[in-house]
Amino acid sequence: MTFALVGRRTRCGTDPGESDLIAAARSGDEDAWEELYVRVYPRLFAYLAKRLGRSEAEDAVNETMTRAVAGLSRYRPGPAGFEGWLFGIARHVSLDHQRRTARRPRHAPALVPDPPVDGGLGDGLELAADHLQVRRAYEALSPADREVLDLRVVAGLSVEQTAAALSRRPGAVRTAQSRALARLRTLMERVDD
């Protein structure tokens, strides 16, 4: 089964119709799979592109969904919902990919948007310098700090969903996120000096 983006986005979290979609998907309903896929695709792609690069992300999304189809019988509803479970699979797909490719250089993070086109040249250059500063500080974080921030900021997952993806408790995720942001602030201050 190959998945293609149809183009719609919903918020993170459990959805009242999600359990019906999952039941239909378990029974082999391809329309239910497509709906589940469409709901999560933008954030799943962003997360995997951040971890693996844009050129590898589409294959990783397809691998994630293939594993989800094969493992749906093992899914059990919980506070993290289907998306928390799915991002846990995506995390393993990205780790498997990184092991296979012997940790080639990471791509620049997508934490900040590109500079606006309508600003003046000076504004654009200043904004580009700010983006570079954030990227450098972000890359200086530990892989564990980047992973928590990737799931919370880039993928937009809730604390519960992030906890499920990382196989951690929600309180541990909150603490890890707070510490990662504090370290990022410290690194940003060092870059300013």
C-alpha atoms as a PDB file:
ATOM      1  CA  MET A   1       0.000   0.000   0.000  1.00  0.00           C
ATOM      2  CA  THR A   2       1.414   3.390  -1.010  1.00  0.00           C
ATOM      3  CA  PHE A   3       0.235   6.510   0.761  1.00  0.00           C
ATOM      4  CA  ALA A   4      -0.183   9.889  -0.888  1.00  0.00           C
ATOM      5  CA  LEU A   5      -0.946  13.241   0.670  1.00  0.00           C
ATOM      6  CA  VAL A   6      -4.463  14.445  -0.026  1.00  0.00           C
ATOM      7  CA  GLY A   7      -4.006  17.712   1.890  1.00  0.00           C
ATOM      8  CA  ARG A   8      -5.839  18.395   5.114  1.00  0.00           C
ATOM      9  CA  ARG A   9      -4.726  18.988   8.705  1.00  0.00           C
ATOM     10  CA  THR A  10      -6.387  18.479  12.059  1.00  0.00           C
ATOM     11  CA  ARG A  11      -5.249  19.257  15.578  1.00  0.00           C
ATOM     12  CA  CYS A  12      -3.228  16.892  17.748  1.00  0.00           C
ATOM     13  CA  GLY A  13      -4.985  14.785  20.288  1.00  0.00           C
ATOM     14  CA  THR A  14      -7.690  12.200  20.365  1.00  0.00           C
ATOM     15  CA  ASP A  15     -10.669  12.688  18.146  1.00  0.00           C
ATOM     16  CA  PRO A  16     -14.117  11.263  18.888  1.00  0.00           C
ATOM     17  CA  GLY A  17     -14.193   9.620  15.426  1.00  0.00           C
ATOM     18  CA  GLU A  18     -10.654   8.269  15.737  1.00  0.00           C
ATOM     19  CA  SER A  19     -11.739   5.011  17.397  1.00  0.00           C
ATOM     20  CA  ASP A  20     -14.254   4.391  14.590  1.00  0.00           C
ATOM     21  CA  LEU A  21     -11.550   5.039  11.986  1.00  0.00           C
ATOM     22  CA  ILE A  22      -9.157   2.684  13.742  1.00  0.00           C
ATOM     23  CA  ALA A  23     -11.811  -0.041  13.951  1.00  0.00           C
ATOM     24  CA  ALA A  24     -12.511   0.390  10.235  1.00  0.00           C
ATOM     25  CA  ALA A  25      -8.785   0.347   9.423  1.00  0.00           C
ATOM     26  CA  ARG A  26      -8.379  -2.860  11.423  1.00  0.00           C
ATOM     27  CA  SER A  27     -11.048  -4.436   9.260  1.00  0.00           C
ATOM     28  CA  GLY A  28      -9.136  -3.450   6.111  1.00  0.00           C
ATOM     29  CA  ASP A  29     -10.985  -0.270   5.118  1.00  0.00           C
ATOM     30  CA  GLU A  30      -8.516   1.659   2.934  1.00  0.00           C
ATOM     31  CA  ASP A  31     -10.573   4.867   3.195  1.00  0.00           C
ATOM     32  CA  ALA A  32     -10.146   4.761   6.980  1.00  0.00           C
ATOM     33  CA  TRP A  33      -6.374   4.365   6.565  1.00  0.00           C
ATOM     34  CA  GLU A  34      -6.310   7.255   4.154  1.00  0.00           C
ATOM     35  CA  GLU A  35      -8.207   9.478   6.612  1.00  0.00           C
ATOM     36  CA  LEU A  36      -5.835   8.562   9.455  1.00  0.00           C
ATOM     37  CA  TYR A  37      -2.886   9.244   7.156  1.00  0.00           C
ATOM     38  CA  VAL A  38      -4.185  12.599   5.946  1.00  0.00           C
ATOM     39  CA  ARG A  39      -4.723  13.759   9.519  1.00  0.00           C
ATOM     40  CA  VAL A  40      -1.129  13.167  10.579  1.00  0.00           C
ATOM     41  CA  TYR A  41       0.888  13.539   7.363  1.00  0.00           C
ATOM     42  CA  PRO A  42       2.036  17.202   7.635  1.00  0.00           C
ATOM     43  CA  ARG A  43       3.432  16.797  11.141  1.00  0.00           C
ATOM     44  CA  LEU A  44       4.803  13.317  10.496  1.00  0.00           C
ATOM     45  CA  PHE A  45       6.596  14.548   7.378  1.00  0.00           C
ATOM     46  CA  ALA A  46       7.968  17.616   9.214  1.00  0.00           C
ATOM     47  CA  TYR A  47       9.247  15.453  12.073  1.00  0.00           C
ATOM     48  CA  LEU A  48      10.929  12.928   9.779  1.00  0.00           C
ATOM     49  CA  ALA A  49      12.312  15.646   7.483  1.00  0.00           C
ATOM     50  CA  LYS A  50      13.863  17.298  10.529  1.00  0.00           C
ATOM     51  CA  ARG A  51      15.466  14.055  11.639  1.00  0.00           C
ATOM     52  CA  LEU A  52      16.472  12.621   8.258  1.00  0.00           C
ATOM     53  CA  GLY A  53      16.318  15.428   5.715  1.00  0.00           C
ATOM     54  CA  ARG A  54      13.573  16.210   3.225  1.00  0.00           C
ATOM     55  CA  SER A  55      14.910  13.814   0.595  1.00  0.00           C
ATOM     56  CA  GLU A  56      14.519  10.818   2.941  1.00  0.00           C
ATOM     57  CA  ALA A  57      11.324  11.889   4.725  1.00  0.00           C
ATOM     58  CA  GLU A  58       8.768  10.620   2.202  1.00  0.00           C
ATOM     59  CA  ASP A  59      10.237   7.109   2.246  1.00  0.00           C
ATOM     60  CA  ALA A  60      10.343   7.220   6.042  1.00  0.00           C
ATOM     61  CA  VAL A  61       6.676   8.308   6.198  1.00  0.00           C
ATOM     62  CA  ASN A  62       5.734   5.383   3.945  1.00  0.00           C
ATOM     63  CA  GLU A  63       7.791   2.985   6.062  1.00  0.00           C
ATOM     64  CA  THR A  64       6.101   4.327   9.205  1.00  0.00           C
ATOM     65  CA  MET A  65       2.646   3.808   7.747  1.00  0.00           C
ATOM     66  CA  THR A  66       3.554   0.346   6.446  1.00  0.00           C
ATOM     67  CA  ARG A  67       4.675  -0.653   9.942  1.00  0.00           C
ATOM     68  CA  ALA A  68       1.502   0.888  11.398  1.00  0.00           C
ATOM     69  CA  VAL A  69      -0.668  -1.157   9.018  1.00  0.00           C
ATOM     70  CA  ALA A  70       1.218  -4.325   9.961  1.00  0.00           C
ATOM     71  CA  GLY A  71       1.092  -3.570  13.696  1.00  0.00           C
ATOM     72  CA  LEU A  72      -2.369  -2.065  14.152  1.00  0.00           C
ATOM     73  CA  SER A  73      -3.539  -5.160  16.013  1.00  0.00           C
ATOM     74  CA  ARG A  74      -1.031  -4.234  18.766  1.00  0.00           C
ATOM     75  CA  TYR A  75      -2.339  -0.652  19.135  1.00  0.00           C
ATOM     76  CA  ARG A  76      -4.201  -0.011  22.385  1.00  0.00           C
ATOM     77  CA  PRO A  77      -6.015   3.315  22.891  1.00  0.00           C
ATOM     78  CA  GLY A  78      -4.610   5.519  25.624  1.00  0.00           C
ATOM     79  CA  PRO A  79      -4.145   9.189  26.506  1.00  0.00           C
ATOM     80  CA  ALA A  80      -1.598   9.640  23.692  1.00  0.00           C
ATOM     81  CA  GLY A  81      -4.029   8.339  21.083  1.00  0.00           C
ATOM     82  CA  PHE A  82      -3.168   6.930  17.693  1.00  0.00           C
ATOM     83  CA  GLU A  83      -0.764   9.766  16.895  1.00  0.00           C
ATOM     84  CA  GLY A  84       1.393   9.119  19.950  1.00  0.00           C
ATOM     85  CA  TRP A  85       1.645   5.467  18.921  1.00  0.00           C
ATOM     86  CA  LEU A  86       2.353   6.397  15.288  1.00  0.00           C
ATOM     87  CA  PHE A  87       5.112   8.887  16.188  1.00  0.00           C
ATOM     88  CA  GLY A  88       6.702   6.149  18.309  1.00  0.00           C
ATOM     89  CA  ILE A  89       6.884   4.049  15.149  1.00  0.00           C
ATOM     90  CA  ALA A  90       8.255   7.046  13.206  1.00  0.00           C
ATOM     91  CA  ARG A  91      10.942   7.505  15.833  1.00  0.00           C
ATOM     92  CA  HIS A  92      12.037   3.885  15.402  1.00  0.00           C
ATOM     93  CA  VAL A  93      11.982   4.229  11.610  1.00  0.00           C
ATOM     94  CA  SER A  94      14.248   7.285  11.837  1.00  0.00           C
ATOM     95  CA  LEU A  95      16.614   5.541  14.263  1.00  0.00           C
ATOM     96  CA  ASP A  96      16.796   2.496  11.976  1.00  0.00           C
ATOM     97  CA  HIS A  97      17.517   4.761   9.015  1.00  0.00           C
ATOM     98  CA  GLN A  98      20.232   6.632  10.916  1.00  0.00           C
ATOM     99  CA  ARG A  99      21.891   3.355  11.888  1.00  0.00           C
ATOM    100  CA  ARG A 100      21.824   2.161   8.275  1.00  0.00           C
ATOM    101  CA  THR A 101      23.337   5.383   6.944  1.00  0.00           C
ATOM    102  CA  ALA A 102      26.066   5.522   9.603  1.00  0.00           C
ATOM    103  CA  ARG A 103      24.955   8.885  10.977  1.00  0.00           C
ATOM    104  CA  ARG A 104      25.618  11.125   8.019  1.00  0.00           C
ATOM    105  CA  PRO A 105      25.436  14.896   8.712  1.00  0.00           C
ATOM    106  CA  ARG A 106      22.110  16.235   9.966  1.00  0.00           C
ATOM    107  CA  HIS A 107      20.124  18.826   8.061  1.00  0.00           C
ATOM    108  CA  ALA A 108      19.348  22.294   9.355  1.00  0.00           C
ATOM    109  CA  PRO A 109      16.348  22.409  11.704  1.00  0.00           C
ATOM    110  CA  ALA A 110      13.036  23.801  10.567  1.00  0.00           C
ATOM    111  CA  LEU A 111      12.252  25.590  13.821  1.00  0.00           C
ATOM    112  CA  VAL A 112      11.923  29.059  12.376  1.00  0.00           C
ATOM    113  CA  PRO A 113      10.191  30.171   9.175  1.00  0.00           C
ATOM    114  CA  ASP A 114      12.037  31.577   6.192  1.00  0.00           C
ATOM    115  CA  PRO A 115      12.449  35.370   6.176  1.00  0.00           C
ATOM    116  CA  PRO A 116       9.560  37.365   4.699  1.00  0.00           C
ATOM    117  CA  VAL A 117       9.988  38.453   1.094  1.00  0.00           C
ATOM    118  CA  ASP A 118       8.491  41.924   1.583  1.00  0.00           C
ATOM    119  CA  GLY A 119      11.058  43.114   4.171  1.00  0.00           C
ATOM    120  CA  GLY A 120      13.941  45.336   3.246  1.00  0.00           C
ATOM    121  CA  LEU A 121      17.347  43.895   2.444  1.00  0.00           C
ATOM    122  CA  GLY A 122      18.712  44.858   5.869  1.00  0.00           C
ATOM    123  CA  ASP A 123      15.750  43.241   7.636  1.00  0.00           C
ATOM    124  CA  GLY A 124      16.159  40.067   5.601  1.00  0.00           C
ATOM    125  CA  LEU A 125      19.866  39.852   6.353  1.00  0.00           C
ATOM    126  CA  GLU A 126      19.282  40.426  10.060  1.00  0.00           C
ATOM    127  CA  LEU A 127      16.570  37.772  10.139  1.00  0.00           C
ATOM    128  CA  ALA A 128      18.790  35.317   8.244  1.00  0.00           C
ATOM    129  CA  ALA A 129      21.557  35.910  10.809  1.00  0.00           C
ATOM    130  CA  ASP A 130      19.050  35.242  13.611  1.00  0.00           C
ATOM    131  CA  HIS A 131      17.981  31.990  11.935  1.00  0.00           C
ATOM    132  CA  LEU A 132      21.588  30.905  11.602  1.00  0.00           C
ATOM    133  CA  GLN A 133      22.160  31.685  15.281  1.00  0.00           C
ATOM    134  CA  VAL A 134      19.154  29.564  16.302  1.00  0.00           C
ATOM    135  CA  ARG A 135      20.237  26.710  14.035  1.00  0.00           C
ATOM    136  CA  ARG A 136      23.763  26.690  15.429  1.00  0.00           C
ATOM    137  CA  ALA A 137      22.537  26.714  19.012  1.00  0.00           C
ATOM    138  CA  TYR A 138      19.975  24.011  18.220  1.00  0.00           C
ATOM    139  CA  GLU A 139      22.588  21.764  16.605  1.00  0.00           C
ATOM    140  CA  ALA A 140      24.769  22.162  19.701  1.00  0.00           C
ATOM    141  CA  LEU A 141      22.056  20.537  21.848  1.00  0.00           C
ATOM    142  CA  SER A 142      22.350  16.868  22.699  1.00  0.00           C
ATOM    143  CA  PRO A 143      20.450  14.410  20.480  1.00  0.00           C
ATOM    144  CA  ALA A 144      18.032  13.738  23.365  1.00  0.00           C
ATOM    145  CA  ASP A 145      17.258  17.463  23.745  1.00  0.00           C
ATOM    146  CA  ARG A 146      16.732  17.842  19.992  1.00  0.00           C
ATOM    147  CA  GLU A 147      14.473  14.799  19.919  1.00  0.00           C
ATOM    148  CA  VAL A 148      12.149  16.156  22.614  1.00  0.00           C
ATOM    149  CA  LEU A 149      12.003  19.540  20.888  1.00  0.00           C
ATOM    150  CA  ASP A 150      11.465  17.907  17.478  1.00  0.00           C
ATOM    151  CA  LEU A 151       8.421  16.052  18.765  1.00  0.00           C
ATOM    152  CA  ARG A 152       6.978  18.938  20.773  1.00  0.00           C
ATOM    153  CA  VAL A 153       7.827  21.910  18.493  1.00  0.00           C
ATOM    154  CA  VAL A 154       8.305  20.540  14.974  1.00  0.00           C
ATOM    155  CA  ALA A 155       5.705  17.750  15.086  1.00  0.00           C
ATOM    156  CA  GLY A 156       3.409  19.652  17.451  1.00  0.00           C
ATOM    157  CA  LEU A 157       2.655  16.642  19.636  1.00  0.00           C
ATOM    158  CA  SER A 158       1.098  16.977  23.061  1.00  0.00           C
ATOM    159  CA  VAL A 159       3.085  16.004  26.157  1.00  0.00           C
ATOM    160  CA  GLU A 160       1.155  12.711  26.343  1.00  0.00           C
ATOM    161  CA  GLN A 161       1.797  11.901  22.680  1.00  0.00           C
ATOM    162  CA  THR A 162       5.477  12.744  23.031  1.00  0.00           C
ATOM    163  CA  ALA A 163       5.688  10.564  26.126  1.00  0.00           C
ATOM    164  CA  ALA A 164       4.172   7.644  24.204  1.00  0.00           C
ATOM    165  CA  ALA A 165       6.545   8.165  21.261  1.00  0.00           C
ATOM    166  CA  LEU A 166       9.566   8.223  23.586  1.00  0.00           C
ATOM    167  CA  SER A 167       8.279   5.506  25.952  1.00  0.00           C
ATOM    168  CA  ARG A 168       8.526   7.939  28.868  1.00  0.00           C
ATOM    169  CA  ARG A 169       6.157   9.421  31.414  1.00  0.00           C
ATOM    170  CA  PRO A 170       4.508  12.791  30.677  1.00  0.00           C
ATOM    171  CA  GLY A 171       6.225  14.388  33.687  1.00  0.00           C
ATOM    172  CA  ALA A 172       9.611  13.275  32.382  1.00  0.00           C
ATOM    173  CA  VAL A 173       8.799  14.823  28.990  1.00  0.00           C
ATOM    174  CA  ARG A 174       7.817  18.141  30.596  1.00  0.00           C
ATOM    175  CA  THR A 175      11.064  18.165  32.568  1.00  0.00           C
ATOM    176  CA  ALA A 176      13.143  17.203  29.533  1.00  0.00           C
ATOM    177  CA  GLN A 177      11.489  19.901  27.408  1.00  0.00           C
ATOM    178  CA  SER A 178      12.032  22.550  30.069  1.00  0.00           C
ATOM    179  CA  ARG A 179      15.683  21.609  30.446  1.00  0.00           C
ATOM    180  CA  ALA A 180      16.226  21.473  26.675  1.00  0.00           C
ATOM    181  CA  LEU A 181      14.735  24.955  26.261  1.00  0.00           C
ATOM    182  CA  ALA A 182      16.886  26.269  29.122  1.00  0.00           C
ATOM    183  CA  ARG A 183      19.993  24.808  27.473  1.00  0.00           C
ATOM    184  CA  LEU A 184      18.948  26.317  24.141  1.00  0.00           C
ATOM    185  CA  ARG A 185      18.566  29.746  25.787  1.00  0.00           C
ATOM    186  CA  THR A 186      22.025  29.397  27.344  1.00  0.00           C
ATOM    187  CA  LEU A 187      23.530  28.431  23.994  1.00  0.00           C
ATOM    188  CA  MET A 188      21.785  31.380  22.321  1.00  0.00           C
ATOM    189  CA  GLU A 189      23.250  33.757  24.908  1.00  0.00           C
ATOM    190  CA  ARG A 190      26.727  32.345  24.281  1.00  0.00           C
ATOM    191  CA  VAL A 191      26.331  32.865  20.533  1.00  0.00           C
ATOM    192  CA  ASP A 192      25.286  36.497  21.206  1.00  0.00           C
ATOM    193  CA  ASP A 193      28.512  37.186  23.125  1.00  0.00           C
END
